[in-house]
Amino acid sequence: MNIRWNIILGVAALCLLGWYYSLNQDNNDLQSLVKAPDSPDYIGQKMETTVFSPDGKKQYLAVSDKVEHFNQDGKTNFTAPLVYLFDTVGDNQKQKNETAKLLESQSWKLSAQKAVLTKDEILYLEGNVVAESLEPTSRLQRVETQSAVVNLKTQDITSDTMVKINGQNFNSTGLKMVGNLRQQVATLKEQVKTYYEISNP
């Protein structure tokens, strides 16, 4: 009888030890479900996002191979982004019909290897940055650089790296550019070289 009780108590003790051991083990399956503090809140592949102004007009359209959004700081990372900027203001409000057409037309296409968008709608572009006008009559046609910052509300653009600008009848290169895509202006501040095309009538 004592042997039987010893075996039952031994098995019960082993079961309790096994249960206690399993409670103290880190469960990697559960840890993988908990979001790390520095990981994105959502990740998307091949995403397209349209952002509208407060008065309901298209402000910009962003297309990207991969998007990572962080709720904590409102930052969004893009891989291989294409951003289309829309005109939100007509040229001196010439006619209401023409203005309505301008409000829905894409005016600029921005591309880069990667980009970061802040909650204040400031876009930081990195790697083979190209800003290309989609309007054939634009004075400023193309801007190329390695790094640029674009305010998507005002369409202000800045860069501290070497910049190549192509416009109607001119090409410029230089450092430290400031400009505005909506107004079709850009100023290079250092090491500026400009070449003009002179057409004979």
Protein backbone atom coordinates (compact mmCIF):
# COMPACT_ATOMS: atom_id res chain seq x y z
CA MET A 1 0.00 0.00 0.00
CA ASN A 2 2.85 2.38 0.77
CA ILE A 3 4.42 1.70 -2.58
CA ARG A 4 1.15 2.54 -4.36
CA TRP A 5 0.86 5.86 -2.46
CA ASN A 6 4.49 6.68 -3.17
CA ILE A 7 3.97 6.12 -6.91
CA ILE A 8 0.76 8.23 -6.97
CA LEU A 9 2.42 11.06 -5.00
CA GLY A 10 5.53 10.83 -7.24
CA VAL A 11 3.44 11.09 -10.44
CA ALA A 12 1.42 14.00 -8.95
CA ALA A 13 4.67 15.78 -7.99
CA LEU A 14 6.07 15.28 -11.51
CA CYS A 15 2.84 16.62 -13.02
CA LEU A 16 2.97 19.70 -10.77
CA LEU A 17 6.65 20.28 -11.63
CA GLY A 18 5.88 19.97 -15.36
CA TRP A 19 2.98 22.41 -15.06
CA TYR A 20 5.13 24.89 -13.09
CA TYR A 21 7.92 24.59 -15.68
CA SER A 22 5.51 25.26 -18.57
CA LEU A 23 4.16 28.39 -16.85
CA ASN A 24 7.65 29.86 -16.51
CA GLN A 25 8.67 29.29 -20.14
CA ASP A 26 8.67 32.26 -22.56
CA ASN A 27 6.07 31.61 -25.16
CA ASN A 28 7.59 32.82 -28.43
CA ASP A 29 4.30 32.37 -30.25
CA LEU A 30 2.59 34.91 -27.99
CA GLN A 31 5.57 37.29 -28.11
CA SER A 32 5.40 37.37 -31.90
CA LEU A 33 1.81 38.62 -31.68
CA VAL A 34 2.74 41.60 -29.50
CA LYS A 35 3.88 44.62 -31.53
CA ALA A 36 7.38 45.89 -30.75
CA PRO A 37 7.51 49.62 -29.90
CA ASP A 38 9.65 50.48 -32.96
CA SER A 39 7.69 48.41 -35.48
CA PRO A 40 5.08 49.91 -37.85
CA ASP A 41 1.38 49.84 -37.00
CA TYR A 42 0.55 48.67 -40.49
CA ILE A 43 2.43 47.58 -43.59
CA GLY A 44 1.04 47.59 -47.09
CA GLN A 45 2.31 46.31 -50.43
CA LYS A 46 1.58 48.01 -53.77
CA MET A 47 -0.51 50.76 -52.18
CA GLU A 48 -2.18 53.79 -53.72
CA THR A 49 -3.38 56.65 -51.52
CA THR A 50 -5.25 59.80 -52.53
CA VAL A 51 -5.21 62.77 -50.14
CA PHE A 52 -7.79 65.53 -50.39
CA SER A 53 -7.57 69.15 -49.23
CA PRO A 54 -10.00 70.42 -46.55
CA ASP A 55 -12.29 71.77 -49.28
CA GLY A 56 -12.52 68.34 -50.95
CA LYS A 57 -10.15 68.74 -53.89
CA LYS A 58 -7.39 66.27 -54.69
CA GLN A 59 -4.10 67.40 -53.18
CA TYR A 60 -1.81 64.49 -54.05
CA LEU A 61 -1.80 60.83 -55.02
CA ALA A 62 0.91 58.50 -53.66
CA VAL A 63 1.71 55.11 -55.19
CA SER A 64 4.36 52.90 -53.58
CA ASP A 65 5.72 49.34 -53.67
CA LYS A 66 5.72 49.19 -49.86
CA VAL A 67 4.25 51.46 -47.16
CA GLU A 68 4.94 51.37 -43.41
CA HIS A 69 2.93 53.65 -41.12
CA PHE A 70 3.78 54.48 -37.50
CA ASN A 71 0.88 55.86 -35.42
CA GLN A 72 3.09 57.01 -32.56
CA ASP A 73 4.82 59.80 -34.51
CA GLY A 74 2.55 59.90 -37.59
CA LYS A 75 5.43 58.99 -39.91
CA THR A 76 4.95 56.94 -43.08
CA ASN A 77 7.83 55.23 -44.93
CA PHE A 78 7.57 54.59 -48.68
CA THR A 79 9.65 52.29 -50.86
CA ALA A 80 9.92 53.30 -54.55
CA PRO A 81 7.27 56.04 -54.25
CA LEU A 82 5.56 57.94 -57.05
CA VAL A 83 3.74 61.05 -55.84
CA TYR A 84 1.48 63.02 -58.16
CA LEU A 85 0.79 66.59 -57.06
CA PHE A 86 -2.44 68.25 -58.11
CA ASP A 87 -3.03 71.92 -58.82
CA THR A 88 -5.20 73.36 -56.08
CA VAL A 89 -5.16 76.96 -57.30
CA GLY A 90 -5.93 78.16 -60.84
CA ASP A 91 -3.82 80.73 -62.69
CA ASN A 92 -5.34 84.01 -61.40
CA GLN A 93 -8.80 82.42 -61.57
CA LYS A 94 -9.12 83.30 -65.30
CA GLN A 95 -12.40 81.52 -65.87
CA LYS A 96 -14.33 79.23 -63.59
CA ASN A 97 -14.42 76.40 -66.16
CA GLU A 98 -10.66 76.55 -66.73
CA THR A 99 -10.08 76.66 -62.98
CA ALA A 100 -12.25 73.61 -62.44
CA LYS A 101 -10.12 71.71 -64.96
CA LEU A 102 -6.89 72.85 -63.30
CA LEU A 103 -8.10 71.76 -59.88
CA GLU A 104 -8.32 68.16 -61.03
CA SER A 105 -5.15 68.03 -63.17
CA GLN A 106 -1.89 66.49 -62.07
CA SER A 107 0.89 69.03 -62.27
CA TRP A 108 4.02 67.24 -60.96
CA LYS A 109 5.29 63.70 -60.59
CA LEU A 110 7.81 63.04 -57.80
CA SER A 111 9.82 59.82 -57.67
CA ALA A 112 12.65 58.46 -55.51
CA GLN A 113 14.07 55.22 -54.12
CA LYS A 114 12.53 55.89 -50.71
CA ALA A 115 10.60 58.60 -48.90
CA VAL A 116 9.33 59.54 -45.46
CA LEU A 117 6.09 61.49 -45.00
CA THR A 118 5.51 63.28 -41.69
CA LYS A 119 2.12 64.05 -40.16
CA ASP A 120 2.69 67.70 -41.21
CA GLU A 121 2.69 66.57 -44.88
CA ILE A 122 6.42 67.15 -45.36
CA LEU A 123 7.88 64.57 -47.76
CA TYR A 124 11.57 63.64 -47.42
CA LEU A 125 12.76 62.02 -50.66
CA GLU A 126 16.04 60.05 -50.86
CA GLY A 127 17.92 58.41 -53.74
CA ASN A 128 17.56 59.37 -57.41
CA VAL A 129 14.96 62.04 -56.71
CA VAL A 130 13.15 63.35 -59.79
CA ALA A 131 10.47 66.05 -59.87
CA GLU A 132 8.95 66.13 -63.34
CA SER A 133 6.37 68.60 -64.59
CA LEU A 134 3.35 67.05 -66.27
CA GLU A 135 2.45 70.33 -67.96
CA PRO A 136 4.28 70.87 -71.27
CA THR A 137 4.16 74.68 -70.92
CA SER A 138 5.74 74.77 -67.45
CA ARG A 139 8.81 77.02 -67.18
CA LEU A 140 10.37 74.43 -64.89
CA GLN A 141 10.30 70.98 -66.51
CA ARG A 142 12.50 68.65 -64.45
CA VAL A 143 14.53 68.67 -61.22
CA GLU A 144 17.00 65.86 -60.42
CA THR A 145 18.94 65.39 -57.17
CA GLN A 146 19.82 62.76 -54.54
CA SER A 147 17.80 64.21 -51.69
CA ALA A 148 14.94 66.69 -51.46
CA VAL A 149 12.25 67.93 -49.07
CA VAL A 150 8.80 68.81 -50.42
CA ASN A 151 5.97 70.47 -48.49
CA LEU A 152 2.93 68.79 -50.04
CA LYS A 153 0.58 71.59 -48.94
CA THR A 154 2.52 74.49 -50.46
CA GLN A 155 4.65 72.50 -52.98
CA ASP A 156 7.83 74.19 -51.67
CA ILE A 157 10.92 72.14 -52.52
CA THR A 158 14.44 72.29 -51.05
CA SER A 159 17.64 70.31 -51.50
CA ASP A 160 21.16 70.57 -50.07
CA THR A 161 22.72 68.16 -52.59
CA MET A 162 23.81 68.68 -56.21
CA VAL A 163 20.77 69.58 -58.33
CA LYS A 164 20.20 69.49 -62.07
CA ILE A 165 17.32 71.64 -63.36
CA ASN A 166 15.84 71.51 -66.86
CA GLY A 167 13.45 74.22 -67.97
CA GLN A 168 12.18 75.79 -71.12
CA ASN A 169 15.33 76.78 -73.04
CA PHE A 170 17.77 76.33 -70.13
CA ASN A 171 19.67 73.78 -68.05
CA SER A 172 21.25 74.53 -64.65
CA THR A 173 23.32 72.63 -62.10
CA GLY A 174 24.31 73.71 -58.60
CA LEU A 175 24.00 73.16 -54.88
CA LYS A 176 21.39 74.15 -52.30
CA MET A 177 18.15 74.63 -54.19
CA VAL A 178 15.00 76.31 -52.92
CA GLY A 179 11.88 76.64 -55.01
CA ASN A 180 8.17 76.13 -55.45
CA LEU A 181 6.76 73.60 -57.90
CA ARG A 182 3.34 75.26 -58.08
CA GLN A 183 4.93 78.60 -59.03
CA GLN A 184 7.45 76.85 -61.34
CA VAL A 185 10.49 78.52 -59.75
CA ALA A 186 13.76 77.18 -58.39
CA THR A 187 16.89 78.97 -57.18
CA LEU A 188 20.34 77.40 -56.90
CA LYS A 189 22.57 79.06 -54.31
CA GLU A 190 26.09 77.61 -54.81
CA GLN A 191 28.32 76.42 -57.68
CA VAL A 192 25.73 77.41 -60.28
CA LYS A 193 26.27 76.68 -63.98
CA THR A 194 23.50 77.60 -66.42
CA TYR A 195 23.24 76.94 -70.14
CA TYR A 196 20.65 78.73 -72.28
CA GLU A 197 19.23 77.67 -75.62
CA ILE A 198 18.79 80.63 -77.92
CA SER A 199 16.28 80.05 -80.67
CA ASN A 200 16.50 82.10 -83.84
CA PRO A 201 13.14 83.32 -85.15
